[in-house]
């Protein structure tokens, strides 16, 4: 009985089987990481785009009006 269990354990933990398992685990972890990384990058780019749009809409018009006022004052006789 003991010999049969040892043979089963040896067949489970032989080099080829461990290499296959390790390669499969690496592939699965890579395939999990890749979509997550892509989603995070897309969210960061979208967030920066939205922040830039907000900045242009809110602060841009204020800065533009101040520049217009300064330009008008500088050009006044």
Protein backbone atom coordinates (compact mmCIF):
# COMPACT_ATOMS: atom_id res chain seq x y z
CA UNK A 1 0.00 0.00 0.00
CA UNK A 2 2.76 2.39 0.92
CA UNK A 3 4.67 1.71 -2.30
CA UNK A 4 1.61 2.47 -4.41
CA UNK A 5 1.06 5.80 -2.64
CA UNK A 6 4.69 6.75 -3.07
CA UNK A 7 4.52 5.94 -6.77
CA UNK A 8 1.40 8.09 -7.14
CA UNK A 9 3.10 10.97 -5.34
CA UNK A 10 6.21 10.61 -7.49
CA UNK A 11 4.11 10.67 -10.64
CA UNK A 12 2.32 13.80 -9.43
CA UNK A 13 5.50 15.61 -8.44
CA UNK A 14 7.82 14.60 -11.27
CA UNK A 15 9.67 17.32 -13.20
CA UNK A 16 7.53 17.28 -16.33
CA UNK A 17 4.29 17.53 -14.42
CA UNK A 18 5.61 20.36 -12.24
CA UNK A 19 6.89 22.25 -15.29
CA UNK A 20 3.52 21.90 -17.02
CA UNK A 21 1.71 23.10 -13.92
CA UNK A 22 4.08 26.03 -13.50
CA UNK A 23 3.74 27.06 -17.16
CA UNK A 24 -0.03 26.85 -16.92
CA UNK A 25 -0.07 28.94 -13.75
CA UNK A 26 2.17 31.58 -15.35
CA UNK A 27 -0.03 31.72 -18.44
CA UNK A 28 -3.20 32.04 -16.38
CA UNK A 29 -1.72 34.77 -14.16
CA UNK A 30 -0.52 36.67 -17.24
CA UNK A 31 -3.93 36.39 -18.88
CA UNK A 32 -5.54 37.70 -15.69
CA UNK A 33 -3.07 40.55 -15.33
CA UNK A 34 -3.25 41.76 -18.92
CA UNK A 35 -6.97 42.70 -18.98
CA UNK A 36 -6.74 44.26 -15.53
CA UNK A 37 -3.78 46.38 -16.61
CA UNK A 38 -5.61 47.42 -19.77
CA UNK A 39 -8.70 48.40 -17.79
CA UNK A 40 -6.63 50.45 -15.33
CA UNK A 41 -4.82 52.24 -18.18
CA UNK A 42 -8.09 53.01 -19.92
CA UNK A 43 -9.57 54.40 -16.70
CA UNK A 44 -6.50 56.57 -16.10
CA UNK A 45 -6.58 57.95 -19.64
CA UNK A 46 -10.33 58.57 -19.41
CA UNK A 47 -9.90 60.30 -16.04
CA UNK A 48 -7.15 62.57 -17.35
CA UNK A 49 -9.25 63.40 -20.41
CA UNK A 50 -12.27 64.25 -18.27
CA UNK A 51 -10.16 66.35 -15.90
CA UNK A 52 -8.64 68.22 -18.83
CA UNK A 53 -12.07 68.87 -20.32
CA UNK A 54 -13.37 70.12 -16.98
CA UNK A 55 -10.33 72.37 -16.56
CA UNK A 56 -10.78 73.86 -20.03
CA UNK A 57 -14.49 74.45 -19.51
CA UNK A 58 -14.25 75.97 -16.03
CA UNK A 59 -10.86 77.61 -15.73
CA UNK A 60 -10.14 78.14 -19.42
CA UNK A 61 -12.92 80.66 -19.96
CA UNK A 62 -11.90 82.54 -16.81
CA UNK A 63 -8.27 82.70 -17.91
CA UNK A 64 -9.31 83.71 -21.42
CA UNK A 65 -11.47 86.55 -20.13
CA UNK A 66 -8.62 87.80 -17.91
CA UNK A 67 -6.26 87.69 -20.88
CA UNK A 68 -8.79 89.60 -22.99
CA UNK A 69 -9.13 92.27 -20.30
CA UNK A 70 -5.35 92.61 -19.96
CA UNK A 71 -4.92 92.78 -23.72
CA UNK A 72 -7.61 95.45 -24.00
CA UNK A 73 -6.02 97.52 -21.22
CA UNK A 74 -2.55 97.23 -22.75
CA UNK A 75 -3.83 98.32 -26.18
CA UNK A 76 -5.85 101.21 -24.82
CA UNK A 77 -4.48 104.69 -25.64
